[in-house]
């Protein structure tokens, strides 16, 4: 199997996002950082393959991650 550079970026993004979900389920605040990195990488992946739904989703979820991080810190 010959993976291109951009496919590797997509898989790394997927792994970061999964780690973020796992840490969130364990109520560990660093989940937001993993989600942020994963979504930035996924944005780059979507941009490179011209997938505008992926780009839009990544931007929206990155904003939701920031909102969640701010709200988590208010408690």
PDB file of N, CA and C in Angstrom:
ATOM      1  N   UNK A   1       0.848  -1.170   0.000  1.00  0.00           N
ATOM      2  CA  UNK A   1       0.000   0.000   0.000  1.00  0.00           C
ATOM      3  C   UNK A   1       0.897   1.238   0.000  1.00  0.00           C
ATOM      4  N   UNK A   2       0.690   2.109  -0.954  1.00  0.00           N
ATOM      5  CA  UNK A   2       1.495   3.313  -1.083  1.00  0.00           C
ATOM      6  C   UNK A   2       0.653   4.524  -0.699  1.00  0.00           C
ATOM      7  N   UNK A   3       0.869   5.039   0.513  1.00  0.00           N
ATOM      8  CA  UNK A   3       0.110   6.190   0.969  1.00  0.00           C
ATOM      9  C   UNK A   3       0.829   7.476   0.574  1.00  0.00           C
ATOM     10  N   UNK A   4       0.077   8.430   0.071  1.00  0.00           N
ATOM     11  CA  UNK A   4       0.651   9.720  -0.248  1.00  0.00           C
ATOM     12  C   UNK A   4       0.761  10.545   1.040  1.00  0.00           C
ATOM     13  N   UNK A   5       1.522  11.614   0.963  1.00  0.00           N
ATOM     14  CA  UNK A   5       1.713  12.511   2.106  1.00  0.00           C
ATOM     15  C   UNK A   5       0.374  13.003   2.649  1.00  0.00           C
ATOM     16  N   UNK A   6      -0.524  13.420   1.767  1.00  0.00           N
ATOM     17  CA  UNK A   6      -1.794  13.976   2.218  1.00  0.00           C
ATOM     18  C   UNK A   6      -2.686  12.909   2.846  1.00  0.00           C
ATOM     19  N   UNK A   7      -2.606  11.691   2.381  1.00  0.00           N
ATOM     20  CA  UNK A   7      -3.365  10.608   3.024  1.00  0.00           C
ATOM     21  C   UNK A   7      -2.862  10.369   4.445  1.00  0.00           C
ATOM     22  N   UNK A   8      -1.564  10.472   4.627  1.00  0.00           N
ATOM     23  CA  UNK A   8      -0.991  10.314   5.970  1.00  0.00           C
ATOM     24  C   UNK A   8      -1.485  11.429   6.875  1.00  0.00           C
ATOM     25  N   UNK A   9      -1.549  12.649   6.362  1.00  0.00           N
ATOM     26  CA  UNK A   9      -2.074  13.773   7.147  1.00  0.00           C
ATOM     27  C   UNK A   9      -3.518  13.475   7.561  1.00  0.00           C
ATOM     28  N   UNK A  10      -4.322  12.947   6.647  1.00  0.00           N
ATOM     29  CA  UNK A  10      -5.702  12.596   6.969  1.00  0.00           C
ATOM     30  C   UNK A  10      -5.798  11.542   8.060  1.00  0.00           C
ATOM     31  N   UNK A  11      -4.949  10.528   7.989  1.00  0.00           N
ATOM     32  CA  UNK A  11      -4.971   9.474   9.023  1.00  0.00           C
ATOM     33  C   UNK A  11      -4.460   9.985  10.365  1.00  0.00           C
ATOM     34  N   UNK A  12      -3.449  10.837  10.350  1.00  0.00           N
ATOM     35  CA  UNK A  12      -2.945  11.414  11.608  1.00  0.00           C
ATOM     36  C   UNK A  12      -4.032  12.285  12.238  1.00  0.00           C
ATOM     37  N   UNK A  13      -4.746  13.057  11.416  1.00  0.00           N
ATOM     38  CA  UNK A  13      -5.857  13.863  11.919  1.00  0.00           C
ATOM     39  C   UNK A  13      -6.913  12.974  12.563  1.00  0.00           C
ATOM     40  N   UNK A  14      -7.241  11.887  11.902  1.00  0.00           N
ATOM     41  CA  UNK A  14      -8.224  10.935  12.418  1.00  0.00           C
ATOM     42  C   UNK A  14      -7.792  10.402  13.787  1.00  0.00           C
ATOM     43  N   UNK A  15      -6.531  10.068  13.931  1.00  0.00           N
ATOM     44  CA  UNK A  15      -6.018   9.539  15.201  1.00  0.00           C
ATOM     45  C   UNK A  15      -6.106  10.591  16.305  1.00  0.00           C
ATOM     46  N   UNK A  16      -5.715  11.841  15.982  1.00  0.00           N
ATOM     47  CA  UNK A  16      -5.803  12.910  16.980  1.00  0.00           C
ATOM     48  C   UNK A  16      -7.245  13.132  17.420  1.00  0.00           C
ATOM     49  N   UNK A  17      -8.177  13.110  16.476  1.00  0.00           N
ATOM     50  CA  UNK A  17      -9.588  13.308  16.816  1.00  0.00           C
ATOM     51  C   UNK A  17     -10.095  12.163  17.688  1.00  0.00           C
ATOM     52  N   UNK A  18      -9.703  10.930  17.377  1.00  0.00           N
ATOM     53  CA  UNK A  18     -10.112   9.788  18.212  1.00  0.00           C
ATOM     54  C   UNK A  18      -9.551   9.902  19.628  1.00  0.00           C
ATOM     55  N   UNK A  19      -8.294  10.309  19.747  1.00  0.00           N
ATOM     56  CA  UNK A  19      -7.700  10.503  21.074  1.00  0.00           C
ATOM     57  C   UNK A  19      -8.481  11.571  21.832  1.00  0.00           C
ATOM     58  N   UNK A  20      -8.870  12.634  21.130  1.00  0.00           N
ATOM     59  CA  UNK A  20      -9.674  13.688  21.756  1.00  0.00           C
ATOM     60  C   UNK A  20     -10.986  13.157  22.296  1.00  0.00           C
ATOM     61  N   UNK A  21     -11.673  12.314  21.522  1.00  0.00           N
ATOM     62  CA  UNK A  21     -12.927  11.722  21.994  1.00  0.00           C
ATOM     63  C   UNK A  21     -12.701  10.847  23.222  1.00  0.00           C
ATOM     64  N   UNK A  22     -11.645  10.061  23.196  1.00  0.00           N
ATOM     65  CA  UNK A  22     -11.342   9.178  24.329  1.00  0.00           C
ATOM     66  C   UNK A  22     -11.068  10.002  25.591  1.00  0.00           C
ATOM     67  N   UNK A  23     -10.228  11.033  25.451  1.00  0.00           N
ATOM     68  CA  UNK A  23      -9.905  11.861  26.617  1.00  0.00           C
ATOM     69  C   UNK A  23     -11.125  12.610  27.137  1.00  0.00           C
ATOM     70  N   UNK A  24     -11.992  13.034  26.240  1.00  0.00           N
ATOM     71  CA  UNK A  24     -13.216  13.700  26.667  1.00  0.00           C
ATOM     72  C   UNK A  24     -14.103  12.745  27.452  1.00  0.00           C
ATOM     73  N   UNK A  25     -14.195  11.505  26.997  1.00  0.00           N
ATOM     74  CA  UNK A  25     -14.997  10.510  27.711  1.00  0.00           C
ATOM     75  C   UNK A  25     -14.438  10.249  29.106  1.00  0.00           C
ATOM     76  N   UNK A  26     -13.116  10.417  29.253  1.00  0.00           N
ATOM     77  CA  UNK A  26     -12.473  10.246  30.560  1.00  0.00           C
ATOM     78  C   UNK A  26     -12.455  11.551  31.364  1.00  0.00           C
ATOM     79  N   UNK A  27     -13.085  12.613  30.810  1.00  0.00           N
ATOM     80  CA  UNK A  27     -13.161  13.939  31.440  1.00  0.00           C
ATOM     81  C   UNK A  27     -11.779  14.545  31.680  1.00  0.00           C
ATOM     82  N   UNK A  28     -10.893  14.365  30.689  1.00  0.00           N
ATOM     83  CA  UNK A  28      -9.545  14.918  30.750  1.00  0.00           C
ATOM     84  C   UNK A  28      -9.502  16.116  29.808  1.00  0.00           C
ATOM     85  N   UNK A  29      -9.186  17.274  30.366  1.00  0.00           N
ATOM     86  CA  UNK A  29      -9.288  18.539  29.651  1.00  0.00           C
ATOM     87  C   UNK A  29      -8.380  18.647  28.425  1.00  0.00           C
ATOM     88  N   UNK A  30      -7.321  17.905  28.363  1.00  0.00           N
ATOM     89  CA  UNK A  30      -6.428  17.990  27.201  1.00  0.00           C
ATOM     90  C   UNK A  30      -7.086  17.465  25.924  1.00  0.00           C
ATOM     91  N   UNK A  31      -8.278  16.911  26.061  1.00  0.00           N
ATOM     92  CA  UNK A  31      -9.009  16.455  24.874  1.00  0.00           C
ATOM     93  C   UNK A  31      -9.169  17.587  23.873  1.00  0.00           C
ATOM     94  N   UNK A  32      -9.344  18.809  24.364  1.00  0.00           N
ATOM     95  CA  UNK A  32      -9.553  19.946  23.462  1.00  0.00           C
ATOM     96  C   UNK A  32      -8.329  20.220  22.597  1.00  0.00           C
ATOM     97  N   UNK A  33      -7.156  20.014  23.143  1.00  0.00           N
ATOM     98  CA  UNK A  33      -5.936  20.234  22.363  1.00  0.00           C
ATOM     99  C   UNK A  33      -5.786  19.171  21.272  1.00  0.00           C
ATOM    100  N   UNK A  34      -6.115  17.935  21.607  1.00  0.00           N
ATOM    101  CA  UNK A  34      -6.060  16.873  20.603  1.00  0.00           C
ATOM    102  C   UNK A  34      -7.093  17.118  19.513  1.00  0.00           C
ATOM    103  N   UNK A  35      -8.293  17.535  19.898  1.00  0.00           N
ATOM    104  CA  UNK A  35      -9.316  17.845  18.921  1.00  0.00           C
ATOM    105  C   UNK A  35      -8.879  18.999  18.022  1.00  0.00           C
ATOM    106  N   UNK A  36      -8.297  20.029  18.632  1.00  0.00           N
ATOM    107  CA  UNK A  36      -7.866  21.200  17.847  1.00  0.00           C
ATOM    108  C   UNK A  36      -6.806  20.803  16.817  1.00  0.00           C
ATOM    109  N   UNK A  37      -5.812  20.066  17.250  1.00  0.00           N
ATOM    110  CA  UNK A  37      -4.758  19.631  16.323  1.00  0.00           C
ATOM    111  C   UNK A  37      -5.356  18.747  15.228  1.00  0.00           C
ATOM    112  N   UNK A  38      -6.209  17.813  15.621  1.00  0.00           N
ATOM    113  CA  UNK A  38      -6.848  16.925  14.653  1.00  0.00           C
ATOM    114  C   UNK A  38      -7.686  17.692  13.638  1.00  0.00           C
ATOM    115  N   UNK A  39      -8.423  18.694  14.095  1.00  0.00           N
ATOM    116  CA  UNK A  39      -9.264  19.451  13.178  1.00  0.00           C
ATOM    117  C   UNK A  39      -8.459  20.355  12.257  1.00  0.00           C
ATOM    118  N   UNK A  40      -7.363  20.908  12.749  1.00  0.00           N
ATOM    119  CA  UNK A  40      -6.490  21.698  11.872  1.00  0.00           C
ATOM    120  C   UNK A  40      -5.896  20.790  10.793  1.00  0.00           C
ATOM    121  N   UNK A  41      -5.419  19.624  11.189  1.00  0.00           N
ATOM    122  CA  UNK A  41      -4.875  18.684  10.206  1.00  0.00           C
ATOM    123  C   UNK A  41      -5.946  18.220   9.225  1.00  0.00           C
ATOM    124  N   UNK A  42      -7.157  17.991   9.728  1.00  0.00           N
ATOM    125  CA  UNK A  42      -8.244  17.553   8.855  1.00  0.00           C
ATOM    126  C   UNK A  42      -8.642  18.663   7.882  1.00  0.00           C
ATOM    127  N   UNK A  43      -8.569  19.917   8.355  1.00  0.00           N
ATOM    128  CA  UNK A  43      -8.799  21.062   7.476  1.00  0.00           C
ATOM    129  C   UNK A  43      -7.777  21.062   6.341  1.00  0.00           C
ATOM    130  N   UNK A  44      -6.504  20.877   6.695  1.00  0.00           N
ATOM    131  CA  UNK A  44      -5.452  20.838   5.671  1.00  0.00           C
ATOM    132  C   UNK A  44      -5.665  19.685   4.698  1.00  0.00           C
ATOM    133  N   UNK A  45      -6.081  18.559   5.221  1.00  0.00           N
ATOM    134  CA  UNK A  45      -6.390  17.401   4.378  1.00  0.00           C
ATOM    135  C   UNK A  45      -7.514  17.754   3.398  1.00  0.00           C
ATOM    136  N   UNK A  46      -8.599  18.297   3.913  1.00  0.00           N
ATOM    137  CA  UNK A  46      -9.728  18.672   3.065  1.00  0.00           C
ATOM    138  C   UNK A  46      -9.353  19.708   2.024  1.00  0.00           C
ATOM    139  N   UNK A  47      -8.526  20.664   2.417  1.00  0.00           N
ATOM    140  CA  UNK A  47      -8.078  21.694   1.486  1.00  0.00           C
ATOM    141  C   UNK A  47      -7.271  21.086   0.338  1.00  0.00           C
ATOM    142  N   UNK A  48      -6.404  20.169   0.678  1.00  0.00           N
ATOM    143  CA  UNK A  48      -5.544  19.559  -0.335  1.00  0.00           C
ATOM    144  C   UNK A  48      -6.286  18.629  -1.290  1.00  0.00           C
ATOM    145  N   UNK A  49      -7.385  18.070  -0.857  1.00  0.00           N
ATOM    146  CA  UNK A  49      -8.157  17.202  -1.761  1.00  0.00           C
ATOM    147  C   UNK A  49      -9.390  17.920  -2.307  1.00  0.00           C
ATOM    148  N   UNK A  50      -9.488  19.234  -2.064  1.00  0.00           N
ATOM    149  CA  UNK A  50     -10.614  20.052  -2.533  1.00  0.00           C
ATOM    150  C   UNK A  50     -11.962  19.523  -2.061  1.00  0.00           C
ATOM    151  N   UNK A  51     -12.032  19.168  -0.793  1.00  0.00           N
ATOM    152  CA  UNK A  51     -13.269  18.658  -0.201  1.00  0.00           C
ATOM    153  C   UNK A  51     -13.849  19.730   0.719  1.00  0.00           C
ATOM    154  N   UNK A  52     -14.698  20.566   0.169  1.00  0.00           N
ATOM    155  CA  UNK A  52     -15.238  21.685   0.921  1.00  0.00           C
ATOM    156  C   UNK A  52     -16.108  21.275   2.116  1.00  0.00           C
ATOM    157  N   UNK A  53     -16.846  20.164   2.066  1.00  0.00           N
ATOM    158  CA  UNK A  53     -17.570  19.746   3.276  1.00  0.00           C
ATOM    159  C   UNK A  53     -16.622  19.416   4.444  1.00  0.00           C
ATOM    160  N   UNK A  54     -15.475  18.827   4.150  1.00  0.00           N
ATOM    161  CA  UNK A  54     -14.494  18.529   5.201  1.00  0.00           C
ATOM    162  C   UNK A  54     -13.942  19.836   5.762  1.00  0.00           C
ATOM    163  N   UNK A  55     -13.660  20.784   4.898  1.00  0.00           N
ATOM    164  CA  UNK A  55     -13.140  22.084   5.346  1.00  0.00           C
ATOM    165  C   UNK A  55     -14.156  22.770   6.255  1.00  0.00           C
ATOM    166  N   UNK A  56     -15.412  22.828   5.829  1.00  0.00           N
ATOM    167  CA  UNK A  56     -16.453  23.475   6.625  1.00  0.00           C
ATOM    168  C   UNK A  56     -16.649  22.775   7.967  1.00  0.00           C
ATOM    169  N   UNK A  57     -16.690  21.463   7.948  1.00  0.00           N
ATOM    170  CA  UNK A  57     -16.852  20.708   9.195  1.00  0.00           C
ATOM    171  C   UNK A  57     -15.698  20.961  10.146  1.00  0.00           C
ATOM    172  N   UNK A  58     -14.488  20.976   9.633  1.00  0.00           N
ATOM    173  CA  UNK A  58     -13.308  21.191  10.472  1.00  0.00           C
ATOM    174  C   UNK A  58     -13.333  22.562  11.125  1.00  0.00           C
ATOM    175  N   UNK A  59     -13.693  23.581  10.358  1.00  0.00           N
ATOM    176  CA  UNK A  59     -13.747  24.940  10.906  1.00  0.00           C
ATOM    177  C   UNK A  59     -14.838  25.034  11.967  1.00  0.00           C
ATOM    178  N   UNK A  60     -16.017  24.478  11.680  1.00  0.00           N
ATOM    179  CA  UNK A  60     -17.125  24.518  12.639  1.00  0.00           C
ATOM    180  C   UNK A  60     -16.766  23.780  13.932  1.00  0.00           C
ATOM    181  N   UNK A  61     -16.217  22.604  13.812  1.00  0.00           N
ATOM    182  CA  UNK A  61     -15.888  21.821  15.002  1.00  0.00           C
ATOM    183  C   UNK A  61     -14.733  22.456  15.776  1.00  0.00           C
ATOM    184  N   UNK A  62     -13.781  23.062  15.085  1.00  0.00           N
ATOM    185  CA  UNK A  62     -12.703  23.773  15.781  1.00  0.00           C
ATOM    186  C   UNK A  62     -13.282  24.914  16.618  1.00  0.00           C
ATOM    187  N   UNK A  63     -14.246  25.626  16.064  1.00  0.00           N
ATOM    188  CA  UNK A  63     -14.928  26.676  16.829  1.00  0.00           C
ATOM    189  C   UNK A  63     -15.672  26.114  18.025  1.00  0.00           C
ATOM    190  N   UNK A  64     -16.332  24.971  17.847  1.00  0.00           N
ATOM    191  CA  UNK A  64     -17.037  24.334  18.959  1.00  0.00           C
ATOM    192  C   UNK A  64     -16.060  23.857  20.027  1.00  0.00           C
ATOM    193  N   UNK A  65     -14.879  23.401  19.605  1.00  0.00           N
ATOM    194  CA  UNK A  65     -13.856  22.989  20.575  1.00  0.00           C
ATOM    195  C   UNK A  65     -13.410  24.176  21.413  1.00  0.00           C
ATOM    196  N   UNK A  66     -13.194  25.312  20.775  1.00  0.00           N
ATOM    197  CA  UNK A  66     -12.804  26.518  21.502  1.00  0.00           C
ATOM    198  C   UNK A  66     -13.897  26.936  22.477  1.00  0.00           C
ATOM    199  N   UNK A  67     -15.136  26.898  22.023  1.00  0.00           N
ATOM    200  CA  UNK A  67     -16.275  27.226  22.881  1.00  0.00           C
ATOM    201  C   UNK A  67     -16.352  26.272  24.082  1.00  0.00           C
ATOM    202  N   UNK A  68     -16.174  24.976  23.834  1.00  0.00           N
ATOM    203  CA  UNK A  68     -16.197  23.986  24.915  1.00  0.00           C
ATOM    204  C   UNK A  68     -15.064  24.181  25.895  1.00  0.00           C
ATOM    205  N   UNK A  69     -13.879  24.493  25.385  1.00  0.00           N
ATOM    206  CA  UNK A  69     -12.722  24.723  26.260  1.00  0.00           C
ATOM    207  C   UNK A  69     -12.963  25.928  27.167  1.00  0.00           C
ATOM    208  N   UNK A  70     -13.492  27.009  26.592  1.00  0.00           N
ATOM    209  CA  UNK A  70     -13.786  28.205  27.392  1.00  0.00           C
ATOM    210  C   UNK A  70     -14.832  27.900  28.454  1.00  0.00           C
ATOM    211  N   UNK A  71     -15.894  27.186  28.085  1.00  0.00           N
ATOM    212  CA  UNK A  71     -16.947  26.840  29.054  1.00  0.00           C
ATOM    213  C   UNK A  71     -16.442  25.878  30.107  1.00  0.00           C
ATOM    214  N   UNK A  72     -15.576  24.951  29.740  1.00  0.00           N
ATOM    215  CA  UNK A  72     -15.053  23.997  30.702  1.00  0.00           C
ATOM    216  C   UNK A  72     -14.237  24.741  31.766  1.00  0.00           C
ATOM    217  N   UNK A  73     -13.531  25.767  31.364  1.00  0.00           N
ATOM    218  CA  UNK A  73     -12.693  26.530  32.284  1.00  0.00           C
ATOM    219  C   UNK A  73     -13.498  27.433  33.206  1.00  0.00           C
ATOM    220  N   UNK A  74     -14.752  27.718  32.885  1.00  0.00           N
ATOM    221  CA  UNK A  74     -15.564  28.582  33.717  1.00  0.00           C
ATOM    222  C   UNK A  74     -16.107  27.900  34.954  1.00  0.00           C
ATOM    223  N   UNK A  75     -16.047  26.586  34.998  1.00  0.00           N
ATOM    224  CA  UNK A  75     -16.586  25.853  36.153  1.00  0.00           C
ATOM    225  C   UNK A  75     -15.605  25.830  37.295  1.00  0.00           C
TER     226      UNK A  75
END
